[in-house]
C-alpha atoms as a PDB file:
ATOM      1  CA  MET A   1     -16.676  -5.294 -19.629  1.00  0.00           C
ATOM      2  CA  THR A   2     -18.579  -6.401 -22.689  1.00  0.00           C
ATOM      3  CA  ASN A   3     -17.325  -8.715 -25.408  1.00  0.00           C
ATOM      4  CA  LYS A   4     -17.069  -5.800 -27.836  1.00  0.00           C
ATOM      5  CA  ALA A   5     -13.597  -4.975 -29.054  1.00  0.00           C
ATOM      6  CA  ARG A   6     -12.113  -1.879 -27.437  1.00  0.00           C
ATOM      7  CA  ARG A   7     -11.745   1.047 -29.751  1.00  0.00           C
ATOM      8  CA  GLY A   8      -9.040   3.647 -29.706  1.00  0.00           C
ATOM      9  CA  ARG A   9      -5.417   3.540 -28.856  1.00  0.00           C
ATOM     10  CA  PRO A  10      -4.179   0.771 -26.560  1.00  0.00           C
ATOM     11  CA  THR A  11      -3.378   1.924 -23.049  1.00  0.00           C
ATOM     12  CA  ASN A  12       0.169   2.519 -21.881  1.00  0.00           C
ATOM     13  CA  TYR A  13      -0.886   1.721 -18.326  1.00  0.00           C
ATOM     14  CA  THR A  14       1.206  -0.705 -16.324  1.00  0.00           C
ATOM     15  CA  PRO A  15       0.939  -1.422 -12.586  1.00  0.00           C
ATOM     16  CA  GLU A  16       4.352   0.222 -12.081  1.00  0.00           C
ATOM     17  CA  ILE A  17       2.848   3.575 -13.070  1.00  0.00           C
ATOM     18  CA  GLY A  18       0.907   3.562  -9.802  1.00  0.00           C
ATOM     19  CA  TYR A  19       4.159   3.476  -7.873  1.00  0.00           C
ATOM     20  CA  VAL A  20       5.605   6.266 -10.007  1.00  0.00           C
ATOM     21  CA  VAL A  21       2.619   8.559  -9.436  1.00  0.00           C
ATOM     22  CA  TYR A  22       2.719   7.812  -5.697  1.00  0.00           C
ATOM     23  CA  ARG A  23       6.457   8.585  -5.538  1.00  0.00           C
ATOM     24  CA  LEU A  24       6.069  11.875  -7.426  1.00  0.00           C
ATOM     25  CA  MET A  25       3.137  13.006  -5.319  1.00  0.00           C
ATOM     26  CA  SER A  26       4.931  12.076  -2.101  1.00  0.00           C
ATOM     27  CA  GLN A  27       7.620  14.562  -3.160  1.00  0.00           C
ATOM     28  CA  GLY A  28       4.954  17.290  -3.103  1.00  0.00           C
ATOM     29  CA  LEU A  29       3.767  17.313  -6.715  1.00  0.00           C
ATOM     30  CA  SER A  30       0.085  17.632  -7.529  1.00  0.00           C
ATOM     31  CA  LEU A  31      -1.609  14.946  -9.588  1.00  0.00           C
ATOM     32  CA  THR A  32      -1.475  17.218 -12.643  1.00  0.00           C
ATOM     33  CA  ALA A  33       2.230  17.910 -12.133  1.00  0.00           C
ATOM     34  CA  ALA A  34       2.927  14.195 -11.634  1.00  0.00           C
ATOM     35  CA  ALA A  35       1.110  13.475 -14.902  1.00  0.00           C
ATOM     36  CA  GLY A  36       3.235  16.107 -16.620  1.00  0.00           C
ATOM     37  CA  ALA A  37       6.418  14.642 -15.157  1.00  0.00           C
ATOM     38  CA  MET A  38       5.397  11.275 -16.605  1.00  0.00           C
ATOM     39  CA  HIS A  39       4.504  12.866 -19.981  1.00  0.00           C
ATOM     40  CA  ILE A  40       0.901  11.737 -19.595  1.00  0.00           C
ATOM     41  CA  ALA A  41      -2.197  13.848 -20.154  1.00  0.00           C
ATOM     42  CA  ARG A  42      -4.238  14.690 -17.082  1.00  0.00           C
ATOM     43  CA  ALA A  43      -7.320  13.165 -18.767  1.00  0.00           C
ATOM     44  CA  THR A  44      -5.433   9.889 -19.207  1.00  0.00           C
ATOM     45  CA  VAL A  45      -4.635   9.793 -15.504  1.00  0.00           C
ATOM     46  CA  HIS A  46      -8.297  10.347 -14.640  1.00  0.00           C
ATOM     47  CA  ASN A  47      -9.348   7.614 -17.077  1.00  0.00           C
ATOM     48  CA  TRP A  48      -6.892   5.212 -15.430  1.00  0.00           C
ATOM     49  CA  MET A  49      -8.291   6.129 -12.013  1.00  0.00           C
ATOM     50  CA  LYS A  50     -11.744   5.046 -13.213  1.00  0.00           C
ATOM     51  CA  ARG A  51     -10.512   1.914 -14.954  1.00  0.00           C
ATOM     52  CA  TYR A  52      -7.827   0.545 -12.609  1.00  0.00           C
ATOM     53  CA  PRO A  53      -8.701   0.367  -8.883  1.00  0.00           C
ATOM     54  CA  GLU A  54      -5.065  -0.206  -7.934  1.00  0.00           C
ATOM     55  CA  PHE A  55      -4.092   3.002  -9.728  1.00  0.00           C
ATOM     56  CA  LEU A  56      -6.836   4.933  -7.921  1.00  0.00           C
ATOM     57  CA  ASP A  57      -5.461   3.563  -4.644  1.00  0.00           C
ATOM     58  CA  SER A  58      -1.957   4.750  -5.571  1.00  0.00           C
ATOM     59  CA  VAL A  59      -3.291   8.230  -6.373  1.00  0.00           C
ATOM     60  CA  GLU A  60      -5.216   8.414  -3.093  1.00  0.00           C
ATOM     61  CA  ARG A  61      -2.164   7.312  -1.125  1.00  0.00           C
ATOM     62  CA  GLY A  62      -0.124   9.837  -3.115  1.00  0.00           C
ATOM     63  CA  GLN A  63      -2.542  12.608  -2.163  1.00  0.00           C
ATOM     64  CA  ALA A  64      -2.153  11.746   1.514  1.00  0.00           C
ATOM     65  CA  ALA A  65       1.646  11.556   1.167  1.00  0.00           C
ATOM     66  CA  ARG A  66       1.649  14.917  -0.618  1.00  0.00           C
ATOM     67  CA  ALA A  67      -0.330  16.535   2.200  1.00  0.00           C
ATOM     68  CA  TYR A  68       2.101  15.027   4.726  1.00  0.00           C
ATOM     69  CA  LYS A  69       5.111  16.381   2.806  1.00  0.00           C
ATOM     70  CA  LEU A  70       3.630  19.855   2.483  1.00  0.00           C
ATOM     71  CA  GLU A  71       2.584  19.977   6.138  1.00  0.00           C
ATOM     72  CA  ALA A  72       5.939  18.674   7.400  1.00  0.00           C
ATOM     73  CA  ASP A  73       7.758  21.234   5.237  1.00  0.00           C
ATOM     74  CA  MET A  74       5.523  23.999   6.558  1.00  0.00           C
ATOM     75  CA  LEU A  75       5.987  22.987  10.190  1.00  0.00           C
ATOM     76  CA  GLY A  76       9.761  22.816   9.744  1.00  0.00           C
ATOM     77  CA  ALA A  77      10.064  26.144   7.937  1.00  0.00           C
ATOM     78  CA  ASN A  78      11.380  29.314   9.559  1.00  0.00           C
ATOM     79  CA  GLU A  79      10.711  31.648   6.648  1.00  0.00           C
ATOM     80  CA  ALA A  80       7.293  33.254   6.293  1.00  0.00           C
ATOM     81  CA  HIS A  81       7.164  32.951   2.499  1.00  0.00           C
ATOM     82  CA  ILE A  82       7.728  29.179   2.692  1.00  0.00           C
ATOM     83  CA  ILE A  83       5.081  28.814   5.385  1.00  0.00           C
ATOM     84  CA  HIS A  84       2.565  30.789   3.320  1.00  0.00           C
ATOM     85  CA  ALA A  85       3.356  28.870   0.138  1.00  0.00           C
ATOM     86  CA  ARG A  86       2.930  25.507   1.869  1.00  0.00           C
ATOM     87  CA  ARG A  87      -0.293  26.662   3.528  1.00  0.00           C
ATOM     88  CA  PHE A  88      -1.648  27.752   0.144  1.00  0.00           C
ATOM     89  CA  ALA A  89      -0.694  24.380  -1.347  1.00  0.00           C
ATOM     90  CA  LEU A  90      -2.359  22.559   1.564  1.00  0.00           C
ATOM     91  CA  ILE A  91      -5.588  24.517   1.064  1.00  0.00           C
ATOM     92  CA  ASN A  92      -5.722  22.962  -2.398  1.00  0.00           C
ATOM     93  CA  ALA A  93      -4.214  19.575  -1.542  1.00  0.00           C
ATOM     94  CA  ALA A  94      -6.378  18.840   1.508  1.00  0.00           C
ATOM     95  CA  PRO A  95      -9.324  21.240   1.328  1.00  0.00           C
ATOM     96  CA  ALA A  96     -11.439  19.370   3.887  1.00  0.00           C
ATOM     97  CA  GLU A  97      -8.819  20.131   6.520  1.00  0.00           C
ATOM     98  CA  TRP A  98      -7.344  23.425   5.344  1.00  0.00           C
ATOM     99  CA  ARG A  99     -10.070  25.528   3.719  1.00  0.00           C
ATOM    100  CA  LYS A 100     -11.895  28.030   5.852  1.00  0.00           C
ATOM    101  CA  SER A 101     -15.491  27.153   6.514  1.00  0.00           C
ATOM    102  CA  GLU A 102     -18.224  29.091   8.222  1.00  0.00           C
ATOM    103  CA  GLY A 103     -17.932  28.868  11.973  1.00  0.00           C
ATOM    104  CA  ARG A 104     -14.448  27.389  11.798  1.00  0.00           C
ATOM    105  CA  SER A 105     -11.141  29.040  11.156  1.00  0.00           C
ATOM    106  CA  ILE A 106      -7.660  27.769  10.534  1.00  0.00           C
ATOM    107  CA  ALA A 107      -4.848  29.250  12.547  1.00  0.00           C
END
């Protein structure tokens, strides 16, 4: 960072926010929903991800925990509508593993 004074509003970021976002995402919330639950704009969250490596790590771990939660819920479900809803969420939460690609299909 340069010696220039930062402009704009001071950040509300604290290291504890990383734990909060991880906890919310591990309950199945998307990053946008977690931001909403914390009353923080989505753009602010993305700025923090660029600025604070420890926050980015918390978000990435939260994304993995979210995929685990959604997949575990889907595998434990007996009702078709829950299975389909979790599968849809997983297609968005973990697209590399759940989106259809040419030559490969998901069961």
